[in-house]
Amino acid sequence: MTPRRRVEGRDEWPEGLYKRKMRGVDRYFFKTETGKEIFFPANTPFIEAYQAAQAYNEQYRNPLTMLAVKMDKYNRPLNEWSKIILRRIKNEEELGENALSTFEKDTDRLNALFGHVLSKEITPEHTTEYLNHYCAGKSKNVYNRKLSFLNKFFSYMMDEQAITTHPSIGKKWRKIKRVEKQKAQADLDKEGYIAIYDAAPTWLKVAMSICLQSTHAVKELHRLKHKIAKPKAGECGCVWFKEPKETWCDLTSKNVVIYGNMYIHRHKSQHKKSSFVCIPITEALKSAIDLSKTDGLICPYIVRRKPTRNNKISKHCDHRFQITSNNISRGFSKVRDELELYSHLPKEKRPTFHEIRRLSARILLNAGSSPSQRMAHSDEATTKIYTDTNDIEWTEVAPLSVRFD
């Protein structure tokens, strides 16, 4: 049976592209090779619908591609292999949430350029084109990260027999000079911290104080709960003693009163042993937590505020009053700029909330304490506390209060 002829004037339209009146509006739609109809959004220009249909046909209705796949089952379009590789990455590698999200986005970028290319037709030229396209005008760090992504992606393809030669393995890394390794932000000094703290709203005061005492970042602070039953993976919160206890601190050579322990599972390095940290709640840390309760809000989270607008709860939160990590950082920068602190520096070089960690680490180091354990940067442990959850080892740090001299 011969196919139905095109409406007059549409002979040059790509295969599968049609137009139909729906609710009084002309809508372009595309019919896939399986017969499924996919409608373009209303008011889509013809040229955009034309180009989308043409791109689809080149990828899925190309007879040469179909023949090549039949002759070699491993020689398939890159976007088909991408799904397999992403599945393996999720199953085989313990990537953090941010690292996995970055890998997925880089994969989407690769597919946008070469998703239609058969795997065994990929050459080093494709690698160069990808890097030139997405790294033009970017830093050497960005270039090296994209090259690292390609190396990993194509290594998985080699393992799947999808390619016979690794197309990015010979690319050179961009050497970063010592001067280029210097951190972008200026250090936050004691005077700057105090000025911002004095002008900050209560919720930001709480976040700043806990960051100074714990050395932990906004990803942990916004998840901190006033009280948890017991420490476990993926949760940050406080376990309180029935009565305060005195414990000996080797660094200060005296007894210190502690009220409980603050357990932090660091988000960035969540799959490493060092990511589990137990911080004794000293008087200074307890004062910061108590300050949170003065707002009168009923909320399990320590860093919280009543929203000014009735927006939906962020996907990163589970309570209306909980503050996202980004908003904590923005709140700090807003107060900093309102006070015109560090205004002699470009905005991108002014100290951010994250620099409180660095300030705290310097104070601890000057006091004779290594901040690495407290900051979840090391596997070295002083005291190991075992919980009921898969033998997690919590690294207990010294019961110190961070103070300005």
Protein backbone atom coordinates (compact mmCIF):
# COMPACT_ATOMS: atom_id res chain seq x y z
CA MET A 1 0.00 0.00 0.00
CA THR A 2 1.47 3.33 -1.03
CA PRO A 3 1.78 6.00 1.67
CA ARG A 4 -0.71 8.83 1.72
CA ARG A 5 0.43 11.85 -0.29
CA ARG A 6 1.43 15.03 1.48
CA VAL A 7 -0.95 18.00 1.49
CA GLU A 8 -0.06 20.37 -1.32
CA GLY A 9 2.70 22.74 -0.22
CA ARG A 10 4.13 20.34 2.35
CA ASP A 11 6.12 18.12 0.00
CA GLU A 12 9.39 19.56 1.32
CA TRP A 13 8.54 19.06 4.99
CA PRO A 14 10.75 16.55 6.86
CA GLU A 15 9.32 13.08 7.24
CA GLY A 16 7.12 12.83 10.33
CA LEU A 17 6.34 16.58 10.65
CA TYR A 18 2.65 17.52 10.49
CA LYS A 19 0.25 20.30 11.45
CA ARG A 20 -3.17 19.91 13.03
CA LYS A 21 -5.74 22.35 14.36
CA MET A 22 -6.36 21.83 18.08
CA ARG A 23 -8.90 23.95 19.97
CA GLY A 24 -8.84 26.45 17.17
CA VAL A 25 -5.04 26.75 17.14
CA ASP A 26 -2.69 25.30 14.50
CA ARG A 27 -0.14 23.04 16.23
CA TYR A 28 2.90 21.35 14.72
CA PHE A 29 3.51 17.79 15.81
CA PHE A 30 5.97 15.04 15.02
CA LYS A 31 5.25 11.37 14.47
CA THR A 32 8.11 9.08 15.50
CA GLU A 33 9.07 5.89 13.74
CA THR A 34 6.95 4.01 16.31
CA GLY A 35 3.87 6.08 15.45
CA LYS A 36 3.86 8.17 18.64
CA GLU A 37 2.71 11.76 18.13
CA ILE A 38 4.69 14.47 19.93
CA PHE A 39 3.20 17.97 19.82
CA PHE A 40 5.38 21.06 19.84
CA PRO A 41 4.37 23.88 22.23
CA ALA A 42 1.76 26.29 20.90
CA ASN A 43 3.19 29.18 18.86
CA THR A 44 6.33 27.18 17.97
CA PRO A 45 7.75 28.77 14.77
CA PHE A 46 7.76 26.54 11.71
CA ILE A 47 11.53 26.79 11.33
CA GLU A 48 12.09 25.40 14.86
CA ALA A 49 9.70 22.51 14.27
CA TYR A 50 11.37 21.87 10.91
CA GLN A 51 14.86 21.77 12.41
CA ALA A 52 13.81 19.53 15.31
CA ALA A 53 12.16 17.04 12.94
CA GLN A 54 15.17 17.08 10.64
CA ALA A 55 17.57 16.43 13.53
CA TYR A 56 15.43 13.52 14.74
CA ASN A 57 15.32 11.96 11.28
CA GLU A 58 19.09 12.24 10.82
CA GLN A 59 19.59 10.38 14.07
CA TYR A 60 16.87 7.75 14.08
CA ARG A 61 15.82 7.37 10.44
CA ASN A 62 19.29 7.42 8.89
CA PRO A 63 19.53 4.18 6.84
CA LEU A 64 23.34 4.16 7.03
CA THR A 65 23.21 4.30 10.83
CA MET A 66 20.69 1.46 10.96
CA LEU A 67 22.89 -0.64 8.67
CA ALA A 68 26.04 0.03 10.72
CA VAL A 69 24.29 -1.01 13.92
CA LYS A 70 23.09 -4.23 12.31
CA MET A 71 26.63 -5.09 11.18
CA ASP A 72 28.22 -4.34 14.59
CA LYS A 73 26.01 -4.43 17.68
CA TYR A 74 28.58 -2.40 19.62
CA ASN A 75 28.66 0.40 17.05
CA ARG A 76 25.70 2.42 18.26
CA PRO A 77 24.96 6.15 18.54
CA LEU A 78 26.65 7.86 21.45
CA ASN A 79 23.38 8.86 23.12
CA GLU A 80 22.43 5.17 23.42
CA TRP A 81 25.72 4.34 25.14
CA SER A 82 25.30 7.34 27.43
CA LYS A 83 22.31 5.73 29.16
CA ILE A 84 24.30 2.55 29.80
CA ILE A 85 27.32 4.44 31.12
CA LEU A 86 25.23 6.62 33.44
CA ARG A 87 23.58 3.49 34.83
CA ARG A 88 27.00 1.96 35.52
CA ILE A 89 28.31 5.14 37.12
CA LYS A 90 25.36 5.21 39.54
CA ASN A 91 25.75 1.53 40.39
CA GLU A 92 29.54 1.25 40.57
CA GLU A 93 30.81 4.59 41.83
CA GLU A 94 30.04 6.32 45.10
CA LEU A 95 29.70 9.80 43.67
CA GLY A 96 28.23 12.54 45.81
CA GLU A 97 25.05 14.30 44.74
CA ASN A 98 26.90 17.26 43.23
CA ALA A 99 29.51 15.12 41.45
CA LEU A 100 26.82 12.90 39.93
CA SER A 101 24.76 15.89 38.83
CA THR A 102 27.84 17.42 37.16
CA PHE A 103 28.61 14.15 35.36
CA GLU A 104 25.03 13.95 34.07
CA LYS A 105 25.15 17.54 32.81
CA ASP A 106 28.49 16.95 31.08
CA THR A 107 26.99 13.85 29.45
CA ASP A 108 24.05 15.93 28.20
CA ARG A 109 26.50 18.41 26.70
CA LEU A 110 28.37 15.60 24.97
CA ASN A 111 25.11 14.25 23.57
CA ALA A 112 24.08 17.70 22.38
CA LEU A 113 27.18 17.82 20.18
CA PHE A 114 27.72 14.19 19.19
CA GLY A 115 24.75 12.15 20.39
CA HIS A 116 24.00 11.07 16.82
CA VAL A 117 27.58 9.93 16.08
CA LEU A 118 28.22 6.19 15.99
CA SER A 119 30.55 5.18 18.81
CA LYS A 120 33.24 3.68 16.59
CA GLU A 121 33.38 6.81 14.49
CA ILE A 122 34.41 8.95 17.48
CA THR A 123 37.94 10.31 17.11
CA PRO A 124 40.29 12.64 19.05
CA GLU A 125 38.88 15.43 16.90
CA HIS A 126 35.54 15.05 18.69
CA THR A 127 37.36 15.44 22.02
CA THR A 128 39.05 18.62 20.84
CA GLU A 129 35.78 20.02 19.50
CA TYR A 130 34.00 19.30 22.80
CA LEU A 131 36.72 21.03 24.82
CA ASN A 132 36.91 23.99 22.45
CA HIS A 133 33.13 24.38 22.49
CA TYR A 134 32.55 24.21 26.26
CA CYS A 135 35.84 25.54 27.61
CA ALA A 136 36.36 28.59 25.40
CA GLY A 137 37.16 31.54 27.64
CA LYS A 138 37.01 29.37 30.78
CA SER A 139 39.72 28.73 33.36
CA LYS A 140 42.30 25.95 33.22
CA ASN A 141 40.49 24.28 36.10
CA VAL A 142 37.31 24.06 34.03
CA TYR A 143 39.26 22.65 31.07
CA ASN A 144 40.90 19.98 33.24
CA ARG A 145 37.56 19.00 34.79
CA LYS A 146 35.96 18.56 31.37
CA LEU A 147 38.95 16.52 30.19
CA SER A 148 38.68 14.38 33.32
CA PHE A 149 35.01 13.77 32.49
CA LEU A 150 35.84 12.70 28.93
CA ASN A 151 38.58 10.36 30.15
CA LYS A 152 36.18 8.63 32.52
CA PHE A 153 33.31 8.53 30.03
CA PHE A 154 35.40 7.04 27.23
CA SER A 155 37.07 4.57 29.62
CA TYR A 156 33.63 3.14 30.32
CA MET A 157 32.96 3.03 26.58
CA MET A 158 36.20 1.10 26.06
CA ASP A 159 35.07 -1.34 28.74
CA GLU A 160 31.77 -1.81 26.90
CA GLN A 161 33.57 -2.43 23.56
CA ALA A 162 31.79 0.64 22.21
CA ILE A 163 35.08 2.14 20.96
CA THR A 164 38.36 0.56 19.92
CA THR A 165 40.67 3.50 20.74
CA HIS A 166 40.38 5.99 23.58
CA PRO A 167 39.82 9.40 21.92
CA SER A 168 40.82 11.65 24.84
CA ILE A 169 43.63 9.76 26.58
CA GLY A 170 46.36 11.65 24.70
CA LYS A 171 45.08 15.15 25.50
CA LYS A 172 47.38 17.20 27.72
CA TRP A 173 46.20 18.71 30.97
CA ARG A 174 46.43 22.47 31.38
CA LYS A 175 49.24 23.16 33.85
CA ILE A 176 48.12 25.53 36.59
CA LYS A 177 50.81 27.87 37.89
CA ARG A 178 51.22 28.55 41.57
CA VAL A 179 49.89 32.09 41.24
CA GLU A 180 46.78 30.73 39.52
CA LYS A 181 46.13 28.35 42.42
CA GLN A 182 45.63 31.21 44.83
CA LYS A 183 42.08 31.27 46.18
CA ALA A 184 39.71 33.73 44.57
CA GLN A 185 38.15 35.08 47.78
CA ALA A 186 39.97 37.28 50.24
CA ASP A 187 40.19 36.02 53.80
CA LEU A 188 37.52 37.04 56.29
CA ASP A 189 39.17 38.75 59.24
CA LYS A 190 37.98 38.92 62.85
CA GLU A 191 36.78 42.52 62.51
CA GLY A 192 34.78 41.70 59.38
CA TYR A 193 33.16 38.70 61.06
CA ILE A 194 32.14 40.72 64.12
CA ALA A 195 30.74 43.59 62.03
CA ILE A 196 28.62 41.25 59.89
CA TYR A 197 27.49 39.26 62.94
CA ASP A 198 26.33 42.40 64.76
CA ALA A 199 24.25 43.53 61.75
CA ALA A 200 22.90 40.08 60.85
CA PRO A 201 19.34 38.84 61.48
CA THR A 202 18.97 36.16 64.16
CA TRP A 203 18.98 33.20 61.77
CA LEU A 204 22.22 34.37 60.16
CA LYS A 205 23.81 34.99 63.57
CA VAL A 206 22.98 31.36 64.44
CA ALA A 207 24.45 30.04 61.18
CA MET A 208 27.62 32.13 61.55
CA SER A 209 28.15 31.08 65.18
CA ILE A 210 27.71 27.38 64.47
CA CYS A 211 30.00 27.59 61.44
CA LEU A 212 32.65 29.31 63.56
CA GLN A 213 32.38 26.70 66.33
CA SER A 214 32.03 23.61 64.14
CA THR A 215 34.00 24.70 61.01
CA HIS A 216 31.29 23.14 58.85
CA ALA A 217 29.74 24.55 55.70
CA VAL A 218 26.24 25.61 54.66
CA LYS A 219 25.43 22.16 53.22
CA GLU A 220 25.61 20.81 56.77
CA LEU A 221 24.28 23.85 58.64
CA HIS A 222 20.97 23.97 56.81
CA ARG A 223 20.35 20.29 57.72
CA LEU A 224 21.20 20.59 61.43
CA LYS A 225 18.39 19.51 63.74
CA HIS A 226 17.91 20.56 67.36
CA LYS A 227 17.48 16.98 68.48
CA ILE A 228 17.92 13.52 66.97
CA ALA A 229 17.37 10.17 68.70
CA LYS A 230 20.72 8.77 67.61
CA PRO A 231 23.40 9.54 65.02
CA LYS A 232 22.98 8.01 61.58
CA ALA A 233 24.22 8.43 58.04
CA GLY A 234 22.76 11.28 56.05
CA GLU A 235 21.53 13.22 59.08
CA CYS A 236 22.98 16.14 61.04
CA GLY A 237 21.76 16.95 64.52
CA CYS A 238 22.28 17.03 68.28
CA VAL A 239 22.08 14.26 70.86
CA TRP A 240 21.74 15.83 74.30
CA PHE A 241 22.84 14.42 77.65
CA LYS A 242 20.29 14.25 80.47
CA GLU A 243 22.75 16.21 82.56
CA PRO A 244 25.82 18.23 81.49
CA LYS A 245 29.11 16.36 81.82
CA GLU A 246 32.65 17.42 82.49
CA THR A 247 35.31 16.00 80.19
CA TRP A 248 39.04 16.50 80.12
CA CYS A 249 40.48 18.42 77.17
CA ASP A 250 44.13 17.65 76.47
CA LEU A 251 44.61 20.80 74.43
CA THR A 252 43.44 23.21 77.12
CA SER A 253 44.58 20.96 80.00
CA LYS A 254 41.37 21.46 81.93
CA ASN A 255 37.87 20.05 82.36
CA VAL A 256 35.24 21.34 79.93
CA VAL A 257 31.47 21.16 80.43
CA ILE A 258 29.67 19.57 77.48
CA TYR A 259 25.91 19.25 77.02
CA GLY A 260 25.78 16.61 74.33
CA ASN A 261 27.21 15.91 70.89
CA MET A 262 26.53 17.45 67.52
CA TYR A 263 26.75 14.78 64.81
CA ILE A 264 27.55 15.94 61.31
CA HIS A 265 27.65 13.78 58.20
CA ARG A 266 29.45 15.95 55.69
CA HIS A 267 27.65 16.19 52.35
CA LYS A 268 30.61 16.77 50.04
CA SER A 269 32.60 13.72 51.17
CA GLN A 270 29.67 11.63 52.36
CA HIS A 271 31.15 8.30 51.22
CA LYS A 272 34.43 8.73 53.13
CA LYS A 273 34.99 7.67 56.73
CA SER A 274 36.18 11.15 57.63
CA SER A 275 32.77 12.60 56.71
CA PHE A 276 31.28 11.43 60.03
CA VAL A 277 32.15 13.94 62.75
CA CYS A 278 31.06 14.15 66.38
CA ILE A 279 31.49 17.61 67.93
CA PRO A 280 31.00 17.99 71.71
CA ILE A 281 28.47 20.73 72.46
CA THR A 282 30.39 23.25 74.56
CA GLU A 283 28.96 26.36 76.20
CA ALA A 284 29.76 28.45 73.11
CA LEU A 285 28.07 26.00 70.74
CA LYS A 286 25.07 25.63 73.06
CA SER A 287 24.68 29.42 73.16
CA ALA A 288 24.41 29.51 69.36
CA ILE A 289 21.80 26.74 69.40
CA ASP A 290 19.84 28.46 72.19
CA LEU A 291 19.84 31.71 70.19
CA SER A 292 17.93 29.87 67.47
CA LYS A 293 15.08 29.15 69.90
CA THR A 294 14.48 32.84 70.59
CA ASP A 295 12.62 33.27 67.28
CA GLY A 296 9.54 31.46 68.63
CA LEU A 297 9.22 29.27 65.54
CA ILE A 298 8.26 25.61 65.81
CA CYS A 299 10.76 23.88 63.54
CA PRO A 300 13.14 20.92 64.00
CA TYR A 301 15.98 22.75 62.25
CA ILE A 302 18.42 25.03 64.05
CA VAL A 303 18.96 27.48 61.18
CA ARG A 304 15.48 28.65 60.22
CA ARG A 305 13.33 31.69 59.54
CA LYS A 306 9.74 32.50 58.68
CA PRO A 307 9.50 33.07 54.90
CA THR A 308 8.24 36.45 53.71
CA ARG A 309 6.51 34.92 50.69
CA ASN A 310 4.28 31.89 50.39
CA ASN A 311 6.56 30.00 48.01
CA LYS A 312 6.74 26.25 47.62
CA ILE A 313 9.17 24.38 49.85
CA SER A 314 12.52 23.95 48.11
CA LYS A 315 13.41 20.45 46.93
CA HIS A 316 16.43 20.68 49.25
CA CYS A 317 14.22 21.23 52.32
CA ASP A 318 11.42 19.37 54.08
CA HIS A 319 10.09 22.16 56.32
CA ARG A 320 8.66 25.56 55.44
CA PHE A 321 10.96 27.38 57.87
CA GLN A 322 14.14 25.52 56.86
CA ILE A 323 16.63 27.70 54.96
CA THR A 324 18.47 26.45 51.88
CA SER A 325 22.25 26.47 51.86
CA ASN A 326 22.26 29.00 49.01
CA ASN A 327 20.09 31.43 50.95
CA ILE A 328 22.43 31.25 53.94
CA SER A 329 25.33 32.25 51.69
CA ARG A 330 23.30 34.99 49.98
CA GLY A 331 22.18 36.39 53.33
CA PHE A 332 25.78 36.72 54.48
CA SER A 333 26.88 38.45 51.27
CA LYS A 334 23.88 40.81 51.43
CA VAL A 335 24.79 42.05 54.93
CA ARG A 336 28.47 42.28 53.96
CA ASP A 337 27.67 44.53 51.00
CA GLU A 338 25.12 46.62 52.92
CA LEU A 339 27.90 47.43 55.40
CA GLU A 340 30.21 48.17 52.44
CA LEU A 341 32.83 45.83 53.86
CA TYR A 342 35.60 44.79 51.47
CA SER A 343 34.08 47.19 48.92
CA HIS A 344 37.58 47.90 47.57
CA LEU A 345 37.57 44.36 46.15
CA PRO A 346 35.62 43.13 43.12
CA LYS A 347 32.45 41.34 44.21
CA GLU A 348 33.76 37.93 43.19
CA LYS A 349 36.81 38.34 45.44
CA ARG A 350 35.03 39.45 48.60
CA PRO A 351 34.92 36.88 51.42
CA THR A 352 31.81 34.72 51.41
CA PHE A 353 30.11 32.73 54.17
CA HIS A 354 32.43 29.85 53.36
CA GLU A 355 35.39 31.90 54.55
CA ILE A 356 34.11 31.57 58.13
CA ARG A 357 35.40 27.98 57.97
CA ARG A 358 38.84 29.26 57.07
CA LEU A 359 38.74 31.85 59.85
CA SER A 360 37.74 29.19 62.37
CA ALA A 361 40.47 26.83 61.15
CA ARG A 362 43.11 29.52 61.56
CA ILE A 363 41.98 30.26 65.13
CA LEU A 364 42.03 26.54 66.01
CA LEU A 365 45.46 26.11 64.46
CA ASN A 366 46.84 29.06 66.39
CA ALA A 367 45.41 27.51 69.57
CA GLY A 368 47.42 24.35 68.89
CA SER A 369 44.59 22.18 67.56
CA SER A 370 44.61 20.52 64.14
CA PRO A 371 41.27 21.42 62.52
CA SER A 372 41.37 18.60 59.97
CA GLN A 373 39.27 16.13 61.96
CA ARG A 374 36.75 18.76 62.96
CA MET A 375 36.41 19.76 59.32
CA ALA A 376 36.04 16.12 58.16
CA HIS A 377 39.22 16.31 56.10
CA SER A 378 41.08 13.31 57.55
CA ASP A 379 40.63 9.64 58.52
CA GLU A 380 42.73 10.03 61.66
CA ALA A 381 40.61 9.44 64.74
CA THR A 382 41.06 10.27 68.43
CA THR A 383 37.98 8.49 69.71
CA LYS A 384 35.74 6.26 67.66
CA ILE A 385 32.08 6.03 68.45
CA TYR A 386 30.23 3.16 66.81
CA THR A 387 26.54 3.49 66.05
CA ASP A 388 24.02 0.88 65.11
CA THR A 389 24.08 2.00 61.49
CA ASN A 390 26.38 -0.18 59.40
CA ASP A 391 29.33 0.27 61.77
CA ILE A 392 29.77 3.95 60.95
CA GLU A 393 32.79 5.38 62.76
CA TRP A 394 32.20 8.86 64.15
CA THR A 395 35.37 10.89 64.66
CA GLU A 396 35.04 12.70 67.97
CA VAL A 397 36.84 16.03 68.11
CA ALA A 398 38.12 17.99 71.11
CA PRO A 399 35.52 19.92 73.17
CA LEU A 400 36.84 23.34 72.16
CA SER A 401 35.13 26.72 71.98
CA VAL A 402 36.38 29.01 69.24
CA ARG A 403 37.03 32.44 70.74
CA PHE A 404 38.48 35.72 69.56
CA ASP A 405 41.38 36.91 71.69
